[in-house]
Amino acid sequence: MGRLFIIPARDVPVAVILRRGPSHWYHLILWETEGDHFTHGAWFKGRIYEDECDLSPDGKLFVYAVHQGSRSGSSFTHAWTAISRPPWLHALVLWPQGTTYGGGGRFTAPRTLWGRSSKGTHPDFPVPKNRLHFTDEVPAARSCIEAMPGTDWSGYDHQGHMVYSRGDMLFRQVKNNETILADFSNLKPKPEPAPEWATRPL
């Protein structure tokens, strides 16, 4: 059984679903919450630190922090922070961390990032000039609600309706009526390269 963690965009009805499972696999799904359309993206074998990830306010960029032991001898190191276009993990900018502490970040505007990385970017994935900005102002924590009993994650969509997950299933509650939005229990790892649009430079 998998588990779902949802990161909504602040200004648009879009969210990224991080589906953990089976075992050490993660799968990214882009959720358009108006119409409940789901676009499946990257599969990643390793650890994605959900609390250190964020989606830009316009839903177009994703910052994530990961650990992947198979990269420990590479220039990526075993842990890194990167920016991609969801629902893919193709790195557009990448910071080798060398540690699982201090990674990730938060978007304060569509192309303005508060990050924890103290090291320079990977030479093959530099910050593009005048295309990404950084701030020292620590952003407020994500708004959240008290977890519903028996759920793994809970929050609100852009229409103010409560949404939540149990295992591989995603729900919405409207006027005390529960609706199943999606069941991802049949998903199996199927890694594919990111499409061309997701690899374009910032």
Protein backbone atom coordinates (compact mmCIF):
# COMPACT_ATOMS: atom_id res chain seq x y z
CA MET A 1 0.00 0.00 0.00
CA GLY A 2 1.19 3.51 -0.79
CA ARG A 3 0.73 6.81 1.01
CA LEU A 4 -0.07 10.22 -0.44
CA PHE A 5 1.35 13.62 0.46
CA ILE A 6 -0.10 16.67 -1.29
CA ILE A 7 1.60 20.03 -1.92
CA PRO A 8 -0.85 22.63 -3.28
CA ALA A 9 0.07 25.75 -5.24
CA ARG A 10 -0.86 28.96 -3.46
CA ASP A 11 -2.40 30.93 -6.33
CA VAL A 12 -3.81 28.38 -8.78
CA PRO A 13 -5.93 25.20 -8.44
CA VAL A 14 -3.00 22.84 -8.93
CA ALA A 15 -1.20 20.47 -6.56
CA VAL A 16 1.58 17.90 -6.67
CA ILE A 17 0.84 14.50 -5.19
CA LEU A 18 3.85 12.57 -3.87
CA ARG A 19 2.83 8.94 -3.76
CA ARG A 20 5.20 6.85 -1.66
CA GLY A 21 5.31 3.14 -2.40
CA PRO A 22 5.94 0.42 -3.12
CA SER A 23 9.01 0.10 -0.90
CA HIS A 24 11.52 2.86 -1.72
CA TRP A 25 9.70 4.27 -4.75
CA TYR A 26 8.05 7.67 -5.15
CA HIS A 27 5.71 8.77 -7.92
CA LEU A 28 4.76 12.35 -8.82
CA ILE A 29 1.25 13.19 -9.98
CA LEU A 30 0.02 16.63 -11.01
CA TRP A 31 -3.51 17.27 -9.76
CA GLU A 32 -5.67 19.96 -11.35
CA THR A 33 -8.17 20.37 -8.52
CA GLU A 34 -10.83 22.04 -10.66
CA GLY A 35 -12.07 19.10 -12.69
CA ASP A 36 -9.85 16.64 -10.79
CA HIS A 37 -7.57 15.81 -13.70
CA PHE A 38 -4.45 13.79 -12.82
CA THR A 39 -1.24 13.74 -14.89
CA HIS A 40 1.29 11.04 -14.00
CA GLY A 41 4.98 11.92 -14.08
CA ALA A 42 8.30 10.82 -12.60
CA TRP A 43 9.11 7.67 -10.69
CA PHE A 44 12.04 7.95 -8.28
CA LYS A 45 13.75 5.17 -6.29
CA GLY A 46 15.15 6.78 -3.15
CA ARG A 47 13.85 9.14 -0.50
CA ILE A 48 12.02 12.38 -1.19
CA TYR A 49 11.70 14.60 1.90
CA GLU A 50 8.12 15.77 1.55
CA ASP A 51 8.32 18.52 4.17
CA GLU A 52 11.29 20.11 2.37
CA CYS A 53 9.56 20.26 -1.02
CA ASP A 54 7.42 23.07 -2.39
CA LEU A 55 5.39 24.05 -5.43
CA SER A 56 5.67 27.57 -6.83
CA PRO A 57 2.58 29.80 -6.37
CA ASP A 58 1.78 29.47 -10.09
CA GLY A 59 2.24 25.68 -10.01
CA LYS A 60 4.97 25.68 -12.67
CA LEU A 61 8.12 24.86 -10.65
CA PHE A 62 8.84 22.26 -7.99
CA VAL A 63 11.72 22.35 -5.48
CA TYR A 64 12.60 19.05 -3.87
CA ALA A 65 15.18 17.46 -1.57
CA VAL A 66 16.15 13.82 -2.04
CA HIS A 67 18.48 11.08 -0.91
CA GLN A 68 19.63 8.37 -3.29
CA GLY A 69 22.43 6.12 -2.11
CA SER A 70 23.33 4.94 -5.60
CA ARG A 71 24.54 8.49 -6.35
CA SER A 72 26.90 8.67 -3.37
CA GLY A 73 30.01 8.35 -5.52
CA SER A 74 28.83 10.79 -8.17
CA SER A 75 29.01 14.56 -8.50
CA PHE A 76 25.40 14.72 -7.28
CA THR A 77 26.49 13.22 -3.91
CA HIS A 78 23.99 11.01 -2.10
CA ALA A 79 21.66 13.93 -1.32
CA TRP A 80 20.71 17.02 -3.29
CA THR A 81 18.15 19.78 -3.78
CA ALA A 82 16.81 20.57 -7.25
CA ILE A 83 14.17 22.51 -9.16
CA SER A 84 12.06 20.84 -11.83
CA ARG A 85 8.81 21.21 -13.74
CA PRO A 86 6.10 19.08 -12.12
CA PRO A 87 5.19 16.29 -12.33
CA TRP A 88 8.77 15.54 -13.41
CA LEU A 89 12.06 15.54 -11.52
CA HIS A 90 14.39 16.50 -14.37
CA ALA A 91 16.75 18.96 -12.64
CA LEU A 92 16.84 22.47 -14.09
CA VAL A 93 18.94 23.75 -11.17
CA LEU A 94 20.69 21.41 -8.72
CA TRP A 95 22.59 21.84 -5.45
CA PRO A 96 24.67 18.81 -4.32
CA GLN A 97 24.16 18.61 -0.56
CA GLY A 98 26.37 15.78 0.62
CA THR A 99 24.03 15.50 3.60
CA THR A 100 20.33 15.02 4.22
CA TYR A 101 20.26 18.10 6.47
CA GLY A 102 19.66 21.62 5.22
CA GLY A 103 18.09 20.87 1.83
CA GLY A 104 14.86 21.88 0.15
CA GLY A 105 13.25 25.28 0.06
CA ARG A 106 10.10 27.40 -0.22
CA PHE A 107 8.83 29.60 -3.02
CA THR A 108 7.78 33.10 -1.99
CA ALA A 109 6.88 34.11 -5.58
CA PRO A 110 6.73 32.22 -8.90
CA ARG A 111 10.52 32.51 -9.43
CA THR A 112 11.72 33.59 -6.00
CA LEU A 113 13.05 30.92 -3.67
CA TRP A 114 14.08 30.74 -0.06
CA GLY A 115 16.48 27.82 0.20
CA ARG A 116 18.53 26.07 2.85
CA SER A 117 21.42 25.02 0.61
CA SER A 118 24.73 26.63 1.58
CA LYS A 119 26.72 25.10 -1.28
CA GLY A 120 27.04 26.14 -4.89
CA THR A 121 25.10 24.60 -7.71
CA HIS A 122 26.26 21.64 -9.78
CA PRO A 123 28.30 22.93 -12.77
CA ASP A 124 25.91 21.24 -15.20
CA PHE A 125 22.81 22.70 -13.50
CA PRO A 126 23.58 26.33 -12.63
CA VAL A 127 21.13 29.07 -11.70
CA PRO A 128 20.14 30.84 -14.95
CA LYS A 129 20.93 34.55 -14.87
CA ASN A 130 17.92 36.75 -14.14
CA ARG A 131 15.56 33.76 -14.31
CA LEU A 132 15.51 32.75 -10.65
CA HIS A 133 15.81 34.97 -7.59
CA PHE A 134 16.55 34.22 -3.96
CA THR A 135 15.34 35.73 -0.72
CA ASP A 136 16.71 35.62 2.83
CA GLU A 137 13.25 36.19 4.28
CA VAL A 138 12.03 32.94 5.82
CA PRO A 139 8.53 32.22 4.48
CA ALA A 140 5.62 31.32 6.69
CA ALA A 141 4.93 27.65 7.21
CA ARG A 142 2.32 26.03 5.00
CA SER A 143 -1.20 26.42 6.32
CA CYS A 144 -2.64 23.19 7.56
CA ILE A 145 -5.63 21.83 9.42
CA GLU A 146 -5.97 19.36 12.22
CA ALA A 147 -5.63 15.92 10.70
CA MET A 148 -8.85 14.01 10.31
CA PRO A 149 -8.88 10.71 12.21
CA GLY A 150 -7.59 7.86 10.10
CA THR A 151 -6.09 10.06 7.35
CA ASP A 152 -2.48 10.42 6.19
CA TRP A 153 -2.85 13.99 4.90
CA SER A 154 -5.59 16.61 4.97
CA GLY A 155 -6.04 20.15 3.69
CA TYR A 156 -8.31 22.34 1.56
CA ASP A 157 -8.68 22.78 -2.18
CA HIS A 158 -9.05 26.20 -3.85
CA GLN A 159 -12.82 26.07 -3.44
CA GLY A 160 -12.45 25.66 0.30
CA HIS A 161 -13.49 22.01 0.37
CA MET A 162 -11.69 19.58 2.62
CA VAL A 163 -9.51 17.05 0.81
CA TYR A 164 -7.60 14.20 2.41
CA SER A 165 -5.94 10.86 1.78
CA ARG A 166 -6.03 7.40 3.27
CA GLY A 167 -3.41 5.06 1.90
CA ASP A 168 -3.59 5.24 -1.90
CA MET A 169 -6.99 6.93 -1.97
CA LEU A 170 -7.79 10.63 -2.31
CA PHE A 171 -11.08 12.10 -1.04
CA ARG A 172 -13.04 15.34 -0.98
CA GLN A 173 -15.70 16.20 1.59
CA VAL A 174 -18.50 18.62 0.68
CA LYS A 175 -21.31 19.26 3.17
CA ASN A 176 -20.34 16.08 5.07
CA ASN A 177 -20.56 14.00 1.89
CA GLU A 178 -17.37 12.08 1.11
CA THR A 179 -16.36 11.54 -2.52
CA ILE A 180 -13.53 9.34 -3.73
CA LEU A 181 -11.46 11.38 -6.20
CA ALA A 182 -8.80 8.81 -7.09
CA ASP A 183 -7.47 5.39 -6.15
CA PHE A 184 -3.77 4.95 -6.97
CA SER A 185 -3.41 1.47 -5.44
CA ASN A 186 -2.78 -0.25 -8.79
CA LEU A 187 0.22 1.89 -9.71
CA LYS A 188 3.50 0.08 -10.27
CA PRO A 189 6.92 1.67 -10.92
CA LYS A 190 7.34 2.59 -14.56
CA PRO A 191 10.22 5.07 -14.86
CA GLU A 192 10.24 7.11 -18.05
CA PRO A 193 12.38 10.05 -19.21
CA ALA A 194 10.87 13.49 -18.78
CA PRO A 195 9.21 14.93 -21.89
CA GLU A 196 11.00 17.64 -23.84
CA TRP A 197 8.92 20.50 -22.37
CA ALA A 198 10.01 19.52 -18.85
CA THR A 199 13.72 19.66 -19.74
CA ARG A 200 13.78 23.17 -21.23
CA PRO A 201 15.99 25.61 -19.32
CA LEU A 202 14.34 28.13 -17.04
